[in-house]
C-alpha atoms as a PDB file:
ATOM      1  CA  MET A   1     -10.432 -18.947 -13.316  1.00  0.00           C
ATOM      2  CA  LYS A   2     -12.681 -20.164 -16.091  1.00  0.00           C
ATOM      3  CA  LYS A   3     -14.174 -16.936 -17.654  1.00  0.00           C
ATOM      4  CA  ILE A   4     -13.554 -13.095 -17.623  1.00  0.00           C
ATOM      5  CA  LEU A   5     -15.811 -10.427 -19.126  1.00  0.00           C
ATOM      6  CA  LEU A   6     -14.533  -7.257 -20.505  1.00  0.00           C
ATOM      7  CA  ALA A   7     -16.996  -4.468 -20.358  1.00  0.00           C
ATOM      8  CA  ILE A   8     -16.086  -1.854 -23.057  1.00  0.00           C
ATOM      9  CA  ASP A   9     -17.903   0.987 -25.132  1.00  0.00           C
ATOM     10  CA  PRO A  10     -16.554   0.641 -28.725  1.00  0.00           C
ATOM     11  CA  LEU A  11     -18.714   3.600 -29.818  1.00  0.00           C
ATOM     12  CA  GLU A  12     -17.257   6.298 -27.510  1.00  0.00           C
ATOM     13  CA  ALA A  13     -13.624   7.190 -28.517  1.00  0.00           C
ATOM     14  CA  ASP A  14     -13.360   9.113 -25.045  1.00  0.00           C
ATOM     15  CA  LEU A  15     -14.083   5.756 -23.227  1.00  0.00           C
ATOM     16  CA  LYS A  16     -11.396   3.593 -24.931  1.00  0.00           C
ATOM     17  CA  PRO A  17      -8.570   2.135 -22.841  1.00  0.00           C
ATOM     18  CA  SER A  18      -5.154   3.672 -23.161  1.00  0.00           C
ATOM     19  CA  HIS A  19      -2.328   1.722 -24.795  1.00  0.00           C
ATOM     20  CA  GLU A  20      -0.509   1.143 -21.445  1.00  0.00           C
ATOM     21  CA  ALA A  21      -3.667  -0.213 -19.951  1.00  0.00           C
ATOM     22  CA  LEU A  22      -4.075  -2.514 -22.792  1.00  0.00           C
ATOM     23  CA  LYS A  23      -0.436  -3.929 -22.404  1.00  0.00           C
ATOM     24  CA  ASP A  24      -1.144  -4.673 -18.803  1.00  0.00           C
ATOM     25  CA  LEU A  25      -4.461  -6.286 -19.364  1.00  0.00           C
ATOM     26  CA  GLY A  26      -2.894  -8.424 -22.199  1.00  0.00           C
ATOM     27  CA  PHE A  27      -0.378  -9.823 -19.712  1.00  0.00           C
ATOM     28  CA  TRP A  28      -2.974 -10.540 -16.952  1.00  0.00           C
ATOM     29  CA  LEU A  29      -5.458 -12.162 -19.684  1.00  0.00           C
ATOM     30  CA  GLU A  30      -2.718 -14.211 -21.043  1.00  0.00           C
ATOM     31  CA  ASN A  31      -1.495 -15.671 -17.647  1.00  0.00           C
ATOM     32  CA  LEU A  32      -4.700 -16.132 -15.948  1.00  0.00           C
ATOM     33  CA  ASP A  33      -5.619 -18.651 -18.846  1.00  0.00           C
ATOM     34  CA  ALA A  34      -9.222 -17.968 -18.881  1.00  0.00           C
ATOM     35  CA  GLU A  35     -11.972 -17.809 -21.654  1.00  0.00           C
ATOM     36  CA  ILE A  36     -12.412 -14.091 -22.577  1.00  0.00           C
ATOM     37  CA  GLU A  37     -15.508 -12.377 -23.581  1.00  0.00           C
ATOM     38  CA  ALA A  38     -15.952  -8.709 -24.773  1.00  0.00           C
ATOM     39  CA  VAL A  39     -19.304  -7.343 -23.700  1.00  0.00           C
ATOM     40  CA  TYR A  40     -21.194  -4.130 -24.730  1.00  0.00           C
ATOM     41  CA  VAL A  41     -24.526  -3.187 -23.301  1.00  0.00           C
ATOM     42  CA  LEU A  42     -26.481  -1.309 -25.944  1.00  0.00           C
ATOM     43  CA  SER A  43     -29.412   0.845 -24.395  1.00  0.00           C
ATOM     44  CA  ASP A  44     -32.223   1.632 -26.883  1.00  0.00           C
ATOM     45  CA  LEU A  45     -35.718   2.437 -26.224  1.00  0.00           C
ATOM     46  CA  ARG A  46     -36.827   1.731 -29.914  1.00  0.00           C
ATOM     47  CA  ALA A  47     -38.601  -1.356 -30.531  1.00  0.00           C
ATOM     48  CA  ASP A  48     -38.649  -1.284 -34.453  1.00  0.00           C
ATOM     49  CA  LEU A  49     -36.181  -2.255 -37.157  1.00  0.00           C
ATOM     50  CA  ARG A  50     -33.866   0.599 -36.090  1.00  0.00           C
ATOM     51  CA  VAL A  51     -32.861  -1.569 -33.062  1.00  0.00           C
ATOM     52  CA  ASP A  52     -31.654  -4.220 -35.291  1.00  0.00           C
ATOM     53  CA  GLN A  53     -29.561  -1.488 -37.295  1.00  0.00           C
ATOM     54  CA  SER A  54     -28.029  -0.111 -33.935  1.00  0.00           C
ATOM     55  CA  PHE A  55     -27.287  -3.755 -32.868  1.00  0.00           C
ATOM     56  CA  LEU A  56     -25.514  -4.501 -36.076  1.00  0.00           C
ATOM     57  CA  LEU A  57     -23.398  -1.304 -35.977  1.00  0.00           C
ATOM     58  CA  ALA A  58     -22.550  -2.119 -32.264  1.00  0.00           C
ATOM     59  CA  THR A  59     -21.473  -5.519 -33.028  1.00  0.00           C
ATOM     60  CA  GLN A  60     -19.232  -4.536 -35.877  1.00  0.00           C
ATOM     61  CA  ALA A  61     -17.768  -1.871 -33.708  1.00  0.00           C
ATOM     62  CA  LEU A  62     -17.231  -4.286 -30.831  1.00  0.00           C
ATOM     63  CA  ARG A  63     -15.404  -6.780 -33.076  1.00  0.00           C
ATOM     64  CA  SER A  64     -13.218  -4.009 -34.703  1.00  0.00           C
ATOM     65  CA  ALA A  65     -12.229  -2.780 -31.249  1.00  0.00           C
ATOM     66  CA  ILE A  66     -11.231  -6.369 -30.072  1.00  0.00           C
ATOM     67  CA  LYS A  67      -8.888  -6.643 -33.223  1.00  0.00           C
ATOM     68  CA  LYS A  68      -7.162  -3.485 -32.236  1.00  0.00           C
ATOM     69  CA  PHE A  69      -6.247  -4.676 -28.848  1.00  0.00           C
ATOM     70  CA  HIS A  70      -3.754  -7.089 -30.354  1.00  0.00           C
ATOM     71  CA  PHE A  71      -4.140  -9.640 -27.480  1.00  0.00           C
ATOM     72  CA  LYS A  72      -2.544 -13.169 -27.823  1.00  0.00           C
ATOM     73  CA  THR A  73      -5.648 -14.643 -26.173  1.00  0.00           C
ATOM     74  CA  PRO A  74      -8.690 -15.207 -28.291  1.00  0.00           C
ATOM     75  CA  ILE A  75     -11.751 -13.042 -27.472  1.00  0.00           C
ATOM     76  CA  GLU A  76     -15.318 -13.700 -28.186  1.00  0.00           C
ATOM     77  CA  SER A  77     -17.768 -10.662 -28.330  1.00  0.00           C
ATOM     78  CA  GLN A  78     -21.338 -10.274 -27.300  1.00  0.00           C
ATOM     79  CA  VAL A  79     -23.674  -7.114 -27.507  1.00  0.00           C
ATOM     80  CA  LEU A  80     -26.394  -7.179 -25.053  1.00  0.00           C
ATOM     81  CA  LEU A  81     -29.613  -5.253 -25.618  1.00  0.00           C
ATOM     82  CA  ASN A  82     -30.984  -3.059 -23.028  1.00  0.00           C
ATOM     83  CA  HIS A  83     -34.524  -1.507 -23.618  1.00  0.00           C
ATOM     84  CA  SER A  84     -33.896   1.473 -21.343  1.00  0.00           C
ATOM     85  CA  THR A  85     -31.999   4.592 -20.912  1.00  0.00           C
ATOM     86  CA  SER A  86     -31.513   3.488 -17.132  1.00  0.00           C
ATOM     87  CA  ARG A  87     -27.816   3.038 -16.079  1.00  0.00           C
ATOM     88  CA  ARG A  88     -29.042   0.800 -13.359  1.00  0.00           C
ATOM     89  CA  LYS A  89     -30.816  -1.437 -15.731  1.00  0.00           C
ATOM     90  CA  ALA A  90     -27.670  -1.571 -17.967  1.00  0.00           C
ATOM     91  CA  VAL A  91     -25.614  -2.529 -15.068  1.00  0.00           C
ATOM     92  CA  ARG A  92     -28.167  -5.319 -14.248  1.00  0.00           C
ATOM     93  CA  GLU A  93     -28.183  -6.459 -17.800  1.00  0.00           C
ATOM     94  CA  LEU A  94     -24.285  -6.874 -17.596  1.00  0.00           C
ATOM     95  CA  LEU A  95     -24.302  -8.672 -14.232  1.00  0.00           C
ATOM     96  CA  ASP A  96     -27.130 -11.059 -15.228  1.00  0.00           C
ATOM     97  CA  HIS A  97     -24.974 -12.075 -18.330  1.00  0.00           C
ATOM     98  CA  ALA A  98     -21.968 -12.451 -15.867  1.00  0.00           C
ATOM     99  CA  GLU A  99     -23.906 -14.841 -13.664  1.00  0.00           C
ATOM    100  CA  ASP A 100     -25.546 -16.712 -16.666  1.00  0.00           C
ATOM    101  CA  THR A 101     -22.163 -17.351 -18.240  1.00  0.00           C
ATOM    102  CA  GLY A 102     -20.248 -18.316 -15.077  1.00  0.00           C
ATOM    103  CA  ALA A 103     -17.755 -15.378 -15.222  1.00  0.00           C
ATOM    104  CA  GLU A 104     -15.445 -14.915 -12.287  1.00  0.00           C
ATOM    105  CA  LEU A 105     -14.018 -11.417 -12.948  1.00  0.00           C
ATOM    106  CA  LEU A 106     -15.340  -8.414 -14.706  1.00  0.00           C
ATOM    107  CA  VAL A 107     -13.010  -6.027 -16.256  1.00  0.00           C
ATOM    108  CA  VAL A 108     -13.961  -2.436 -17.088  1.00  0.00           C
ATOM    109  CA  THR A 109     -11.574  -1.081 -19.699  1.00  0.00           C
ATOM    110  CA  SER A 110     -13.294   2.395 -20.035  1.00  0.00           C
ATOM    111  CA  HIS A 111     -11.720   5.499 -18.535  1.00  0.00           C
ATOM    112  CA  GLY A 112     -12.683   9.132 -18.559  1.00  0.00           C
ATOM    113  CA  ARG A 113     -10.624  11.928 -19.996  1.00  0.00           C
ATOM    114  CA  SER A 114     -13.402  14.471 -20.166  1.00  0.00           C
ATOM    115  CA  GLY A 115     -15.819  15.719 -17.376  1.00  0.00           C
ATOM    116  CA  MET A 116     -18.753  13.925 -18.922  1.00  0.00           C
ATOM    117  CA  SER A 117     -16.907  10.558 -19.319  1.00  0.00           C
ATOM    118  CA  ARG A 118     -15.552  10.880 -15.796  1.00  0.00           C
ATOM    119  CA  LEU A 119     -19.183  11.425 -14.482  1.00  0.00           C
ATOM    120  CA  PHE A 120     -20.255   8.266 -16.506  1.00  0.00           C
ATOM    121  CA  LEU A 121     -17.623   6.027 -15.270  1.00  0.00           C
ATOM    122  CA  GLY A 122     -18.222   7.191 -11.643  1.00  0.00           C
ATOM    123  CA  SER A 123     -21.971   6.591 -11.485  1.00  0.00           C
ATOM    124  CA  PHE A 124     -21.899   3.382 -13.578  1.00  0.00           C
ATOM    125  CA  ALA A 125     -18.976   1.947 -11.442  1.00  0.00           C
ATOM    126  CA  GLU A 126     -20.713   2.734  -8.243  1.00  0.00           C
ATOM    127  CA  ALA A 127     -23.749   0.688  -9.458  1.00  0.00           C
ATOM    128  CA  LEU A 128     -21.489  -2.108 -10.664  1.00  0.00           C
ATOM    129  CA  LEU A 129     -19.623  -2.403  -7.487  1.00  0.00           C
ATOM    130  CA  ALA A 130     -22.820  -2.386  -5.388  1.00  0.00           C
ATOM    131  CA  ASP A 131     -24.392  -5.263  -7.100  1.00  0.00           C
ATOM    132  CA  SER A 132     -21.765  -7.238  -8.949  1.00  0.00           C
ATOM    133  CA  PRO A 133     -21.421 -10.922  -7.622  1.00  0.00           C
ATOM    134  CA  ILE A 134     -17.832 -11.048  -8.943  1.00  0.00           C
ATOM    135  CA  PRO A 135     -14.916  -8.832  -8.337  1.00  0.00           C
ATOM    136  CA  VAL A 136     -14.460  -5.828 -10.859  1.00  0.00           C
ATOM    137  CA  LEU A 137     -10.973  -4.911 -12.132  1.00  0.00           C
ATOM    138  CA  PHE A 138     -10.765  -1.348 -13.242  1.00  0.00           C
ATOM    139  CA  LEU A 139      -7.679  -0.498 -15.445  1.00  0.00           C
ATOM    140  CA  GLY A 140      -5.617   2.618 -14.845  1.00  0.00           C
ATOM    141  CA  THR A 141      -5.158   5.235 -17.514  1.00  0.00           C
ATOM    142  CA  HIS A 142      -1.558   5.568 -17.350  1.00  0.00           C
ATOM    143  CA  PRO A 143       0.122   2.785 -15.331  1.00  0.00           C
ATOM    144  CA  GLN A 144       3.787   3.645 -14.240  1.00  0.00           C
ATOM    145  CA  LYS A 145       6.194   2.441 -16.855  1.00  0.00           C
ATOM    146  CA  GLN A 146       8.636   0.653 -14.268  1.00  0.00           C
ATOM    147  CA  ALA A 147       5.608  -1.306 -12.745  1.00  0.00           C
ATOM    148  CA  GLN A 148       6.087  -5.020 -12.684  1.00  0.00           C
ATOM    149  CA  LEU A 149       2.807  -6.829 -13.721  1.00  0.00           C
ATOM    150  CA  ASN A 150       2.967  -9.456 -11.240  1.00  0.00           C
ATOM    151  CA  LYS A 151       3.664  -7.113  -8.238  1.00  0.00           C
ATOM    152  CA  MET A 152       0.456  -6.233  -6.372  1.00  0.00           C
ATOM    153  CA  ILE A 153      -0.749  -4.388  -3.309  1.00  0.00           C
ATOM    154  CA  PHE A 154      -3.687  -5.711  -1.143  1.00  0.00           C
ATOM    155  CA  VAL A 155      -4.983  -3.011   1.059  1.00  0.00           C
ATOM    156  CA  THR A 156      -6.553  -4.246   4.427  1.00  0.00           C
ATOM    157  CA  ASP A 157      -8.153  -2.840   7.477  1.00  0.00           C
ATOM    158  CA  PHE A 158      -8.182  -6.296   8.931  1.00  0.00           C
ATOM    159  CA  SER A 159     -11.892  -6.546   9.052  1.00  0.00           C
ATOM    160  CA  ARG A 160     -13.906  -9.754   8.331  1.00  0.00           C
ATOM    161  CA  PRO A 161     -14.886  -8.375   4.783  1.00  0.00           C
ATOM    162  CA  SER A 162     -11.264  -7.799   3.845  1.00  0.00           C
ATOM    163  CA  TRP A 163     -10.100 -11.059   5.092  1.00  0.00           C
ATOM    164  CA  LEU A 164     -12.741 -12.863   2.806  1.00  0.00           C
ATOM    165  CA  ALA A 165     -11.609 -10.631  -0.168  1.00  0.00           C
ATOM    166  CA  PHE A 166      -7.954 -11.387   0.568  1.00  0.00           C
ATOM    167  CA  GLN A 167      -8.535 -15.020   0.471  1.00  0.00           C
ATOM    168  CA  SER A 168     -10.484 -14.870  -2.784  1.00  0.00           C
ATOM    169  CA  PHE A 169      -7.909 -12.438  -4.282  1.00  0.00           C
ATOM    170  CA  LEU A 170      -5.078 -14.823  -3.865  1.00  0.00           C
ATOM    171  CA  ASP A 171      -6.821 -17.581  -5.271  1.00  0.00           C
ATOM    172  CA  GLN A 172      -7.636 -15.745  -8.305  1.00  0.00           C
ATOM    173  CA  VAL A 173      -4.308 -14.088  -9.000  1.00  0.00           C
ATOM    174  CA  SER A 174      -2.158 -17.282  -8.113  1.00  0.00           C
ATOM    175  CA  PRO A 175      -1.759 -18.046 -11.790  1.00  0.00           C
ATOM    176  CA  LEU A 176       0.211 -14.755 -12.167  1.00  0.00           C
ATOM    177  CA  ASP A 177       3.071 -16.052  -9.783  1.00  0.00           C
ATOM    178  CA  PRO A 178       2.353 -12.744  -7.778  1.00  0.00           C
ATOM    179  CA  GLU A 179       4.549 -10.851  -5.369  1.00  0.00           C
ATOM    180  CA  VAL A 180       2.023  -9.460  -2.961  1.00  0.00           C
ATOM    181  CA  VAL A 181       2.469  -6.384  -0.498  1.00  0.00           C
ATOM    182  CA  LEU A 182       0.027  -6.482   2.299  1.00  0.00           C
ATOM    183  CA  PHE A 183      -0.777  -2.841   3.149  1.00  0.00           C
ATOM    184  CA  HIS A 184      -2.318  -1.504   6.304  1.00  0.00           C
ATOM    185  CA  SER A 185      -2.472   2.173   7.068  1.00  0.00           C
ATOM    186  CA  MET A 186      -2.445   3.230  10.800  1.00  0.00           C
ATOM    187  CA  PRO A 187      -4.268   6.434  11.810  1.00  0.00           C
ATOM    188  CA  ALA A 188      -1.589   9.184  12.351  1.00  0.00           C
ATOM    189  CA  PHE A 189      -2.837  10.359  15.702  1.00  0.00           C
ATOM    190  CA  PRO A 190      -1.131  13.205  17.546  1.00  0.00           C
ATOM    191  CA  SER A 191      -0.701  12.277  21.133  1.00  0.00           C
ATOM    192  CA  PRO A 192      -2.431  12.788  23.562  1.00  0.00           C
ATOM    193  CA  PHE A 193      -5.459  13.959  21.611  1.00  0.00           C
ATOM    194  CA  HIS A 194      -6.758  11.977  18.595  1.00  0.00           C
ATOM    195  CA  TYR A 195      -9.274  13.225  15.888  1.00  0.00           C
ATOM    196  CA  GLY A 196     -12.344  11.334  15.188  1.00  0.00           C
ATOM    197  CA  ILE A 197     -12.602   9.562  11.732  1.00  0.00           C
ATOM    198  CA  ILE A 198     -16.059  11.320  11.108  1.00  0.00           C
ATOM    199  CA  GLY A 199     -14.628  14.822  11.855  1.00  0.00           C
ATOM    200  CA  MET A 200     -16.371  15.368  15.270  1.00  0.00           C
ATOM    201  CA  GLY A 201     -13.351  17.032  16.796  1.00  0.00           C
ATOM    202  CA  ALA A 202     -10.569  15.937  19.108  1.00  0.00           C
ATOM    203  CA  TYR A 203     -10.974  13.476  22.033  1.00  0.00           C
ATOM    204  CA  PHE A 204      -8.594  11.654  24.350  1.00  0.00           C
ATOM    205  CA  VAL A 205      -7.451   8.186  23.500  1.00  0.00           C
ATOM    206  CA  PRO A 206      -5.659   6.342  26.229  1.00  0.00           C
ATOM    207  CA  GLU A 207      -2.215   4.795  25.175  1.00  0.00           C
ATOM    208  CA  ALA A 208      -3.340   1.580  26.605  1.00  0.00           C
ATOM    209  CA  ASP A 209      -6.025   1.498  23.867  1.00  0.00           C
ATOM    210  CA  LEU A 210      -3.582   2.313  21.180  1.00  0.00           C
ATOM    211  CA  GLU A 211      -1.236  -0.394  22.353  1.00  0.00           C
ATOM    212  CA  ARG A 212      -4.043  -3.001  22.355  1.00  0.00           C
ATOM    213  CA  GLN A 213      -4.991  -1.900  18.821  1.00  0.00           C
ATOM    214  CA  GLN A 214      -1.373  -2.370  17.791  1.00  0.00           C
ATOM    215  CA  ARG A 215      -1.303  -5.928  19.290  1.00  0.00           C
ATOM    216  CA  LEU A 216      -4.496  -6.713  17.442  1.00  0.00           C
ATOM    217  CA  TRP A 217      -3.042  -5.589  14.162  1.00  0.00           C
ATOM    218  CA  GLU A 218       0.197  -7.577  14.547  1.00  0.00           C
ATOM    219  CA  ARG A 219      -1.797 -10.740  15.444  1.00  0.00           C
ATOM    220  CA  GLU A 220      -3.928 -10.300  12.432  1.00  0.00           C
ATOM    221  CA  ASN A 221      -0.935  -9.404  10.209  1.00  0.00           C
ATOM    222  CA  LYS A 222       0.664 -12.836  11.240  1.00  0.00           C
ATOM    223  CA  LYS A 223      -2.484 -14.734  10.355  1.00  0.00           C
ATOM    224  CA  TRP A 224      -2.687 -13.143   6.880  1.00  0.00           C
ATOM    225  CA  LEU A 225       0.957 -13.671   6.056  1.00  0.00           C
ATOM    226  CA  ALA A 226       0.623 -17.262   7.295  1.00  0.00           C
ATOM    227  CA  TYR A 227      -2.409 -17.926   4.997  1.00  0.00           C
ATOM    228  CA  ALA A 228      -0.702 -16.598   1.909  1.00  0.00           C
ATOM    229  CA  LYS A 229       2.408 -18.527   2.329  1.00  0.00           C
ATOM    230  CA  THR A 230       0.292 -21.701   2.600  1.00  0.00           C
ATOM    231  CA  ARG A 231      -0.831 -20.844  -0.956  1.00  0.00           C
ATOM    232  CA  GLY A 232       2.714 -20.500  -2.091  1.00  0.00           C
ATOM    233  CA  ILE A 233       2.283 -16.856  -2.310  1.00  0.00           C
ATOM    234  CA  ARG A 234       5.380 -14.458  -2.063  1.00  0.00           C
ATOM    235  CA  ILE A 235       4.244 -11.836   0.417  1.00  0.00           C
ATOM    236  CA  LYS A 236       5.531  -9.095   2.791  1.00  0.00           C
ATOM    237  CA  ALA A 237       3.678  -6.712   5.067  1.00  0.00           C
ATOM    238  CA  ILE A 238       3.904  -2.842   5.208  1.00  0.00           C
ATOM    239  CA  GLN A 239       2.235  -0.900   7.933  1.00  0.00           C
ATOM    240  CA  LEU A 240       2.294   2.963   7.560  1.00  0.00           C
ATOM    241  CA  GLU A 241       1.397   6.035   9.614  1.00  0.00           C
ATOM    242  CA  ASP A 242       0.760   8.483   6.796  1.00  0.00           C
ATOM    243  CA  PRO A 243      -0.336  12.053   7.878  1.00  0.00           C
ATOM    244  CA  LYS A 244      -1.449  12.730   4.512  1.00  0.00           C
ATOM    245  CA  GLY A 245      -3.909   9.870   4.606  1.00  0.00           C
ATOM    246  CA  ILE A 246      -4.532   6.428   3.409  1.00  0.00           C
ATOM    247  CA  LEU A 247      -4.909   7.101  -0.177  1.00  0.00           C
ATOM    248  CA  HIS A 248      -1.732   8.918  -0.406  1.00  0.00           C
ATOM    249  CA  GLY A 249       0.001   5.958   1.551  1.00  0.00           C
ATOM    250  CA  ILE A 250      -1.317   3.403  -0.956  1.00  0.00           C
ATOM    251  CA  ASN A 251      -0.276   5.311  -3.792  1.00  0.00           C
ATOM    252  CA  GLU A 252       3.125   5.986  -2.551  1.00  0.00           C
ATOM    253  CA  THR A 253       3.612   2.314  -1.565  1.00  0.00           C
ATOM    254  CA  ALA A 254       2.442   1.120  -5.007  1.00  0.00           C
ATOM    255  CA  ARG A 255       4.751   3.528  -6.629  1.00  0.00           C
ATOM    256  CA  LYS A 256       7.794   2.567  -4.702  1.00  0.00           C
ATOM    257  CA  GLU A 257       7.103  -1.057  -4.882  1.00  0.00           C
ATOM    258  CA  LYS A 258       6.588  -0.827  -8.681  1.00  0.00           C
ATOM    259  CA  ALA A 259       3.319  -2.539  -8.257  1.00  0.00           C
ATOM    260  CA  ALA A 260       0.767  -2.578 -11.150  1.00  0.00           C
ATOM    261  CA  LEU A 261      -2.405  -3.958  -9.363  1.00  0.00           C
ATOM    262  CA  ILE A 262      -4.207  -2.927  -6.087  1.00  0.00           C
ATOM    263  CA  GLY A 263      -6.661  -5.303  -4.530  1.00  0.00           C
ATOM    264  CA  ILE A 264      -9.191  -4.078  -1.992  1.00  0.00           C
ATOM    265  CA  SER A 265     -12.855  -4.465  -0.679  1.00  0.00           C
ATOM    266  CA  THR A 266     -15.242  -1.598  -0.564  1.00  0.00           C
ATOM    267  CA  CYS A 267     -15.465  -2.136   3.258  1.00  0.00           C
ATOM    268  CA  VAL A 268     -12.099  -0.365   3.739  1.00  0.00           C
ATOM    269  CA  GLU A 269     -12.525   3.164   5.394  1.00  0.00           C
ATOM    270  CA  GLY A 270     -14.629   5.636   3.702  1.00  0.00           C
ATOM    271  CA  LYS A 271     -14.637   5.143  -0.112  1.00  0.00           C
ATOM    272  CA  ILE A 272     -10.814   4.458  -0.628  1.00  0.00           C
ATOM    273  CA  ALA A 273     -11.857   1.848  -3.214  1.00  0.00           C
ATOM    274  CA  GLU A 274     -13.622   4.184  -5.242  1.00  0.00           C
ATOM    275  CA  GLU A 275     -11.023   6.996  -4.841  1.00  0.00           C
ATOM    276  CA  LEU A 276      -8.392   4.537  -6.048  1.00  0.00           C
ATOM    277  CA  PHE A 277     -10.062   3.610  -9.359  1.00  0.00           C
ATOM    278  CA  ARG A 278     -11.049   7.247  -9.996  1.00  0.00           C
ATOM    279  CA  SER A 279      -7.364   8.242  -9.665  1.00  0.00           C
ATOM    280  CA  GLN A 280      -6.620   6.077 -12.531  1.00  0.00           C
ATOM    281  CA  LYS A 281      -3.031   5.381 -11.580  1.00  0.00           C
ATOM    282  CA  PHE A 282      -3.033   1.802 -11.113  1.00  0.00           C
ATOM    283  CA  GLY A 283      -5.244  -1.437 -12.041  1.00  0.00           C
ATOM    284  CA  VAL A 284      -7.772  -1.799  -9.085  1.00  0.00           C
ATOM    285  CA  TRP A 285      -9.189  -5.078  -8.401  1.00  0.00           C
ATOM    286  CA  ILE A 286     -12.245  -4.501  -6.127  1.00  0.00           C
ATOM    287  CA  TYR A 287     -14.681  -6.688  -3.974  1.00  0.00           C
ATOM    288  CA  GLY A 288     -17.939  -5.023  -3.537  1.00  0.00           C
ATOM    289  CA  PRO A 289     -20.557  -6.346  -0.908  1.00  0.00           C
ATOM    290  CA  THR A 290     -22.340  -8.718  -3.242  1.00  0.00           C
ATOM    291  CA  ALA A 291     -19.083 -10.263  -4.573  1.00  0.00           C
ATOM    292  CA  LEU A 292     -17.946 -10.970  -0.791  1.00  0.00           C
ATOM    293  CA  GLU A 293     -21.190 -12.813   0.048  1.00  0.00           C
ATOM    294  CA  LYS A 294     -20.372 -15.135  -2.939  1.00  0.00           C
ATOM    295  CA  THR A 295     -16.883 -16.142  -1.373  1.00  0.00           C
ATOM    296  CA  ASN A 296     -16.318 -19.412   0.671  1.00  0.00           C
ATOM    297  CA  PRO A 297     -16.526 -18.548   4.300  1.00  0.00           C
ATOM    298  CA  ARG A 298     -16.530 -22.217   5.320  1.00  0.00           C
ATOM    299  CA  LYS A 299     -13.160 -22.818   3.728  1.00  0.00           C
ATOM    300  CA  ILE A 300     -11.791 -19.681   5.525  1.00  0.00           C
ATOM    301  CA  LYS A 301     -13.378 -20.607   8.834  1.00  0.00           C
ATOM    302  CA  LYS A 302     -11.630 -24.009   8.594  1.00  0.00           C
ATOM    303  CA  PHE A 303      -8.257 -22.196   8.191  1.00  0.00           C
ATOM    304  CA  ASP A 304      -9.104 -19.802  11.167  1.00  0.00           C
ATOM    305  CA  THR A 305      -9.541 -22.840  13.282  1.00  0.00           C
ATOM    306  CA  GLN A 306      -6.151 -24.355  12.234  1.00  0.00           C
ATOM    307  CA  LEU A 307      -4.488 -20.985  13.077  1.00  0.00           C
ATOM    308  CA  SER A 308      -6.258 -20.724  16.490  1.00  0.00           C
ATOM    309  CA  ARG A 309      -4.501 -23.943  17.518  1.00  0.00           C
ATOM    310  CA  GLN A 310      -0.960 -22.827  16.702  1.00  0.00           C
ATOM    311  CA  PRO A 311       1.183 -21.409  19.853  1.00  0.00           C
ATOM    312  CA  ARG A 312       1.531 -17.642  19.774  1.00  0.00           C
END
């Protein structure tokens, strides 16, 4: 990984990262061995000298905030000027800068304690995830103290988008010497009636269909583990049937495995990715739809072909 952007707001005390989050981030940045640039988007409609004053104050605040992080890795800083109050345009300014500088990861260190800051992070993050051409890492507010910073969970539904995200995720975190848990949550259906995902009531699902689905999951699981091992990644799989839902299953698995980081794509059932970063319990490394388009499907297709030739 060549470059990482840190998106922070040095002017809002309520949006500053926690001490625990900074400690985790410091470890990841140091070991990813990438150029780091802290970025703040200053939105100002004024087109006179007051903009210059605001820009100067923002630049000073950003540099002051970086010094307080106490990272071992040198960090550059850049204030981007957005002549609008539109959050969408602020996101576009940030993402254009990411593309222009060749950044490969965008880290959002802000977290909300109050209602307003939570609302800000939610709407900003949704726009960010929808349009970002690179994965976005949201830091947790209070990571568990027993977490091991190279332990990670990757959440999958075994879909094609998840497969693309998985391959890219392993490539990017490999310098951390990671221990990865491949997590898949099975629907906790009460036999013989099973409830629709979209809440349309109960319907009958033949046991043969469930068995067929289970065989598909097992085949995909084998393929994914094989790919990780070719990359020299330590990995194991956990498949749960959690009656409390997939979000509960992910959080409990991360807690028991002492994981500090969760990888996921936004394609996974519902809005699980968004719910994970809003819960603020763990660092969440998310691939949105635009980021997935930027991955290398030709490389993955070649690996698919190699696996298909192996005896089952």
